Amino acid sequence: MSYPLLMFVEAFLVMWASAWGGVLLHKRKPELPSEDREDYSVILAASLTLLGLIIGFTFSMAVTRYDLRKTYEEEEANAIGTEYLRAELLPAEEAGKIRSLLSAYLDKRIEYYNEGRDADAIRRINKETSKLQDEMWTAARSFASAQPTPVNALAVSGMNDVINSQGYSQSAWWNRIPLAAWGLMIAIAICCNVLIGFGSRGRTKKSLRPLLLVLPLLVGISFFLIADIDSPRGGLIRVHPMNLQSLTESM
């Protein structure tokens, strides 16, 4: 769900239509007996409670994934900064080459975080990032192979952390709320709105309008917030590369 605003509009319209569908269903059915009305109230309360739990659980999933993306952005900055400092232990020529590659690599990582939905730009950034990773690893490995000392091994280990941190960040960006969870939540929300509309006995069409807007509006806002947090590139709430940008200034 990469378009949170579209999710809000679609959710609101679907829920609103479901509520009116419940009203039409009620008009075709006889009035519920008092004993059935009590059972209906229990079912409605249970359904709304379940909807609230599912929305809360899904929101928690989205927040967890958002926090994970923030954590890995911080770890990327730490890994790059650490390797940049470790390069001081190498001879001047090798240190200058590795530091230059790390600076270019850092710029690409910031560009990756700031890029929007442009698929071509993302593919270009990923391709250039992979190329820089190969160059950095080749530079660190070649020098360590030629002079296998503990200091050089430390530099190679730091370069490995830099490359691994990018892989972890990429995995976190791919880790989204499953479609099955969205489908279950939407199905429960539709059922709740149908029940709300079905229970609108004896009301005029004019008095029903504000009543049947409440739950669709609340559900639409909830879905919008969840989709916004869960969307790394399409939402208002995004992971900004503050740590990487701070590292650029210090480097």
Protein backbone atom coordinates (compact mmCIF):
# COMPACT_ATOMS: atom_id res chain seq x y z
CA MET A 1 0.00 0.00 0.00
CA SER A 2 2.34 2.69 -1.32
CA TYR A 3 -0.28 5.43 -1.77
CA PRO A 4 -1.68 6.33 1.67
CA LEU A 5 -3.96 9.13 0.47
CA LEU A 6 -5.50 6.85 -2.15
CA MET A 7 -5.94 4.23 0.57
CA PHE A 8 -7.87 6.75 2.69
CA VAL A 9 -10.23 7.69 -0.16
CA GLU A 10 -10.86 4.10 -1.19
CA ALA A 11 -11.33 2.89 2.39
CA PHE A 12 -13.76 5.69 3.21
CA LEU A 13 -15.87 5.09 0.10
CA VAL A 14 -15.94 1.31 0.54
CA MET A 15 -16.86 1.55 4.23
CA TRP A 16 -19.51 4.18 3.56
CA ALA A 17 -21.04 2.05 0.81
CA SER A 18 -20.96 -0.97 3.13
CA ALA A 19 -22.86 0.95 5.81
CA TRP A 20 -25.56 1.94 3.33
CA GLY A 21 -25.62 -1.66 2.12
CA GLY A 22 -26.50 -2.64 5.67
CA VAL A 23 -29.32 -0.07 5.64
CA LEU A 24 -30.74 -1.57 2.43
CA LEU A 25 -30.41 -5.05 3.87
CA HIS A 26 -32.35 -3.99 6.95
CA LYS A 27 -35.17 -2.60 4.82
CA ARG A 28 -35.62 -5.98 3.15
CA LYS A 29 -35.76 -7.86 6.41
CA PRO A 30 -38.45 -7.76 9.10
CA GLU A 31 -37.74 -6.05 12.40
CA LEU A 32 -35.62 -8.20 14.68
CA PRO A 33 -37.39 -9.61 17.75
CA SER A 34 -36.22 -8.26 21.07
CA GLU A 35 -34.32 -11.45 21.93
CA ASP A 36 -32.53 -11.37 18.57
CA ARG A 37 -31.82 -7.69 19.04
CA GLU A 38 -29.81 -8.50 22.17
CA ASP A 39 -27.78 -11.10 20.26
CA TYR A 40 -27.25 -8.57 17.50
CA SER A 41 -25.90 -6.03 19.97
CA VAL A 42 -23.44 -8.60 21.30
CA ILE A 43 -22.28 -9.45 17.77
CA LEU A 44 -21.87 -5.76 16.88
CA ALA A 45 -19.87 -5.01 20.01
CA ALA A 46 -17.67 -8.07 19.47
CA SER A 47 -17.09 -7.13 15.81
CA LEU A 48 -16.13 -3.55 16.65
CA THR A 49 -13.81 -4.79 19.39
CA LEU A 50 -12.16 -7.20 16.97
CA LEU A 51 -11.77 -4.42 14.41
CA GLY A 52 -10.10 -2.21 17.00
CA LEU A 53 -7.71 -4.99 17.99
CA ILE A 54 -6.80 -5.78 14.39
CA ILE A 55 -6.19 -2.11 13.58
CA GLY A 56 -4.08 -1.73 16.72
CA PHE A 57 -2.08 -4.86 15.92
CA THR A 58 -1.49 -3.76 12.32
CA PHE A 59 -0.50 -0.27 13.46
CA SER A 60 2.01 -1.86 15.82
CA MET A 61 3.44 -3.87 12.91
CA ALA A 62 3.84 -0.70 10.83
CA VAL A 63 5.53 1.20 13.67
CA THR A 64 7.92 -1.70 14.31
CA ARG A 65 8.98 -1.74 10.67
CA TYR A 66 9.39 2.04 10.67
CA ASP A 67 11.59 1.88 13.78
CA LEU A 68 13.63 -0.88 12.15
CA ARG A 69 14.29 1.28 9.09
CA LYS A 70 15.42 4.12 11.37
CA THR A 71 17.68 1.78 13.33
CA TYR A 72 19.40 0.45 10.23
CA GLU A 73 19.91 3.97 8.88
CA GLU A 74 21.75 4.77 12.11
CA GLU A 75 23.79 1.56 11.87
CA GLU A 76 24.75 2.40 8.29
CA ALA A 77 26.05 5.77 9.40
CA ASN A 78 28.00 4.18 12.27
CA ALA A 79 29.53 1.53 9.99
CA ILE A 80 30.61 4.06 7.35
CA GLY A 81 31.98 6.46 9.94
CA THR A 82 33.91 3.71 11.71
CA GLU A 83 35.48 2.48 8.47
CA TYR A 84 36.36 6.05 7.52
CA LEU A 85 38.29 6.39 10.79
CA ARG A 86 39.94 2.98 10.44
CA ALA A 87 41.27 4.02 7.05
CA GLU A 88 43.67 6.34 8.92
CA LEU A 89 45.57 3.23 10.03
CA LEU A 90 46.43 2.37 6.42
CA PRO A 91 49.21 3.89 4.30
CA ALA A 92 48.40 7.30 2.86
CA GLU A 93 47.70 6.13 -0.71
CA GLU A 94 45.35 3.29 0.26
CA ALA A 95 43.68 5.41 2.95
CA GLY A 96 42.98 8.20 0.48
CA LYS A 97 41.46 5.79 -2.05
CA ILE A 98 39.22 4.09 0.49
CA ARG A 99 38.10 7.39 2.01
CA SER A 100 37.26 8.76 -1.42
CA LEU A 101 35.16 5.68 -2.19
CA LEU A 102 33.44 5.90 1.18
CA SER A 103 32.53 9.55 0.58
CA ALA A 104 31.02 8.73 -2.81
CA TYR A 105 29.22 5.75 -1.30
CA LEU A 106 27.79 7.91 1.50
CA ASP A 107 26.38 10.34 -1.05
CA LYS A 108 24.66 7.47 -2.85
CA ARG A 109 23.11 6.17 0.36
CA ILE A 110 21.71 9.62 1.17
CA GLU A 111 20.37 9.86 -2.37
CA TYR A 112 18.71 6.46 -1.93
CA TYR A 113 16.90 7.55 1.23
CA ASN A 114 15.76 10.85 -0.28
CA GLU A 115 14.53 9.41 -3.57
CA GLY A 116 10.77 9.17 -4.08
CA ARG A 117 8.84 6.65 -6.16
CA ASP A 118 10.88 7.02 -9.37
CA ALA A 119 11.66 3.35 -10.16
CA ASP A 120 14.27 4.22 -12.80
CA ALA A 121 16.14 6.50 -10.41
CA ILE A 122 16.07 3.85 -7.68
CA ARG A 123 17.46 1.23 -10.06
CA ARG A 124 20.20 3.62 -11.13
CA ILE A 125 21.11 4.39 -7.51
CA ASN A 126 21.19 0.69 -6.60
CA LYS A 127 23.39 -0.09 -9.60
CA GLU A 128 25.85 2.67 -8.74
CA THR A 129 25.80 1.62 -5.08
CA SER A 130 26.66 -1.98 -6.01
CA LYS A 131 29.50 -0.75 -8.20
CA LEU A 132 30.93 1.33 -5.37
CA GLN A 133 30.62 -1.63 -2.98
CA ASP A 134 32.63 -3.79 -5.38
CA GLU A 135 35.29 -1.12 -5.70
CA MET A 136 35.52 -0.61 -1.94
CA TRP A 137 35.73 -4.33 -1.22
CA THR A 138 38.32 -4.87 -3.96
CA ALA A 139 40.47 -2.04 -2.60
CA ALA A 140 40.32 -3.27 0.98
CA ARG A 141 40.79 -6.93 0.07
CA SER A 142 43.71 -6.35 -2.32
CA PHE A 143 45.70 -4.37 0.19
CA ALA A 144 44.96 -6.81 3.02
CA SER A 145 45.98 -9.78 0.85
CA ALA A 146 49.25 -8.11 -0.07
CA GLN A 147 50.03 -7.22 3.56
CA PRO A 148 48.06 -9.50 5.92
CA THR A 149 48.45 -7.63 9.19
CA PRO A 150 45.97 -7.27 12.07
CA VAL A 151 45.47 -3.60 11.19
CA ASN A 152 44.59 -4.43 7.59
CA ALA A 153 42.27 -7.19 8.76
CA LEU A 154 40.49 -4.63 10.92
CA ALA A 155 39.97 -2.41 7.88
CA VAL A 156 38.57 -5.32 5.88
CA SER A 157 36.23 -6.21 8.72
CA GLY A 158 34.96 -2.64 8.83
CA MET A 159 34.35 -2.65 5.08
CA ASN A 160 32.37 -5.84 5.47
CA ASP A 161 30.21 -4.12 8.10
CA VAL A 162 29.56 -1.23 5.70
CA ILE A 163 28.33 -3.56 2.97
CA ASN A 164 26.29 -5.71 5.36
CA SER A 165 24.56 -2.68 6.87
CA GLN A 166 23.29 -1.69 3.44
CA GLY A 167 21.83 -5.17 2.96
CA TYR A 168 20.05 -4.99 6.30
CA SER A 169 18.60 -1.58 5.42
CA GLN A 170 17.38 -2.86 2.07
CA SER A 171 15.66 -5.82 3.74
CA ALA A 172 13.94 -3.48 6.21
CA TRP A 173 12.61 -1.36 3.34
CA TRP A 174 11.21 -4.47 1.66
CA ASN A 175 9.61 -5.71 4.89
CA ARG A 176 6.05 -4.39 4.60
CA ILE A 177 2.71 -5.35 6.14
CA PRO A 178 1.50 -8.52 4.33
CA LEU A 179 -1.41 -8.19 1.93
CA ALA A 180 -3.20 -10.93 3.86
CA ALA A 181 -3.22 -8.70 6.96
CA TRP A 182 -4.63 -5.81 4.93
CA GLY A 183 -7.30 -8.09 3.44
CA LEU A 184 -8.37 -9.41 6.83
CA MET A 185 -8.57 -5.92 8.32
CA ILE A 186 -10.59 -4.58 5.38
CA ALA A 187 -12.99 -7.55 5.50
CA ILE A 188 -13.65 -7.05 9.22
CA ALA A 189 -14.15 -3.31 8.72
CA ILE A 190 -16.68 -3.95 5.94
CA CYS A 191 -18.61 -6.37 8.16
CA CYS A 192 -18.69 -3.83 10.99
CA ASN A 193 -20.04 -1.11 8.72
CA VAL A 194 -22.70 -3.45 7.36
CA LEU A 195 -23.75 -4.24 10.91
CA ILE A 196 -23.87 -0.53 11.79
CA GLY A 197 -26.11 0.14 8.81
CA PHE A 198 -28.27 -2.89 9.53
CA GLY A 199 -28.88 -1.70 13.08
CA SER A 200 -30.16 1.71 12.01
CA ARG A 201 -33.82 0.91 12.68
CA GLY A 202 -36.48 3.53 12.39
CA ARG A 203 -34.14 6.34 11.30
CA THR A 204 -34.84 8.64 8.40
CA LYS A 205 -32.39 8.91 5.54
CA LYS A 206 -31.46 12.43 6.61
CA SER A 207 -30.67 11.43 10.18
CA LEU A 208 -28.67 8.44 8.97
CA ARG A 209 -26.18 10.44 6.95
CA PRO A 210 -24.01 11.79 9.79
CA LEU A 211 -24.27 8.53 11.73
CA LEU A 212 -23.04 6.41 8.84
CA LEU A 213 -20.10 8.74 8.19
CA VAL A 214 -18.46 8.30 11.58
CA LEU A 215 -17.11 4.75 11.37
CA PRO A 216 -16.05 4.96 7.68
CA LEU A 217 -14.19 8.19 8.45
CA LEU A 218 -12.42 6.72 11.48
CA VAL A 219 -11.52 3.54 9.62
CA GLY A 220 -10.26 5.55 6.62
CA ILE A 221 -8.04 7.70 8.83
CA SER A 222 -6.68 4.60 10.60
CA PHE A 223 -5.90 2.89 7.30
CA PHE A 224 -4.27 6.07 6.00
CA LEU A 225 -1.99 6.33 9.04
CA ILE A 226 -1.00 2.67 8.86
CA ALA A 227 -0.30 2.84 5.12
CA ASP A 228 1.64 6.08 5.56
CA ILE A 229 3.95 4.65 8.22
CA ASP A 230 4.33 1.38 6.30
CA SER A 231 5.25 3.11 3.02
CA PRO A 232 8.98 3.97 2.99
CA ARG A 233 8.73 6.25 -0.03
CA GLY A 234 5.10 7.20 -0.53
CA GLY A 235 4.04 8.56 2.84
CA LEU A 236 4.33 11.77 4.80
CA ILE A 237 6.10 9.93 7.63
CA ARG A 238 9.42 8.83 6.17
CA VAL A 239 12.87 7.87 7.40
CA HIS A 240 15.13 10.84 6.76
CA PRO A 241 18.88 10.12 6.60
CA MET A 242 19.73 12.48 9.44
CA ASN A 243 22.62 10.33 10.70
CA LEU A 244 24.08 9.91 7.23
CA GLN A 245 23.81 13.64 6.54
CA SER A 246 25.43 14.41 9.88
CA LEU A 247 28.24 12.03 8.97
CA THR A 248 28.75 13.87 5.68
CA GLU A 249 29.31 17.12 7.57
CA SER A 250 31.78 15.51 9.97
CA MET A 251 33.68 13.81 7.12
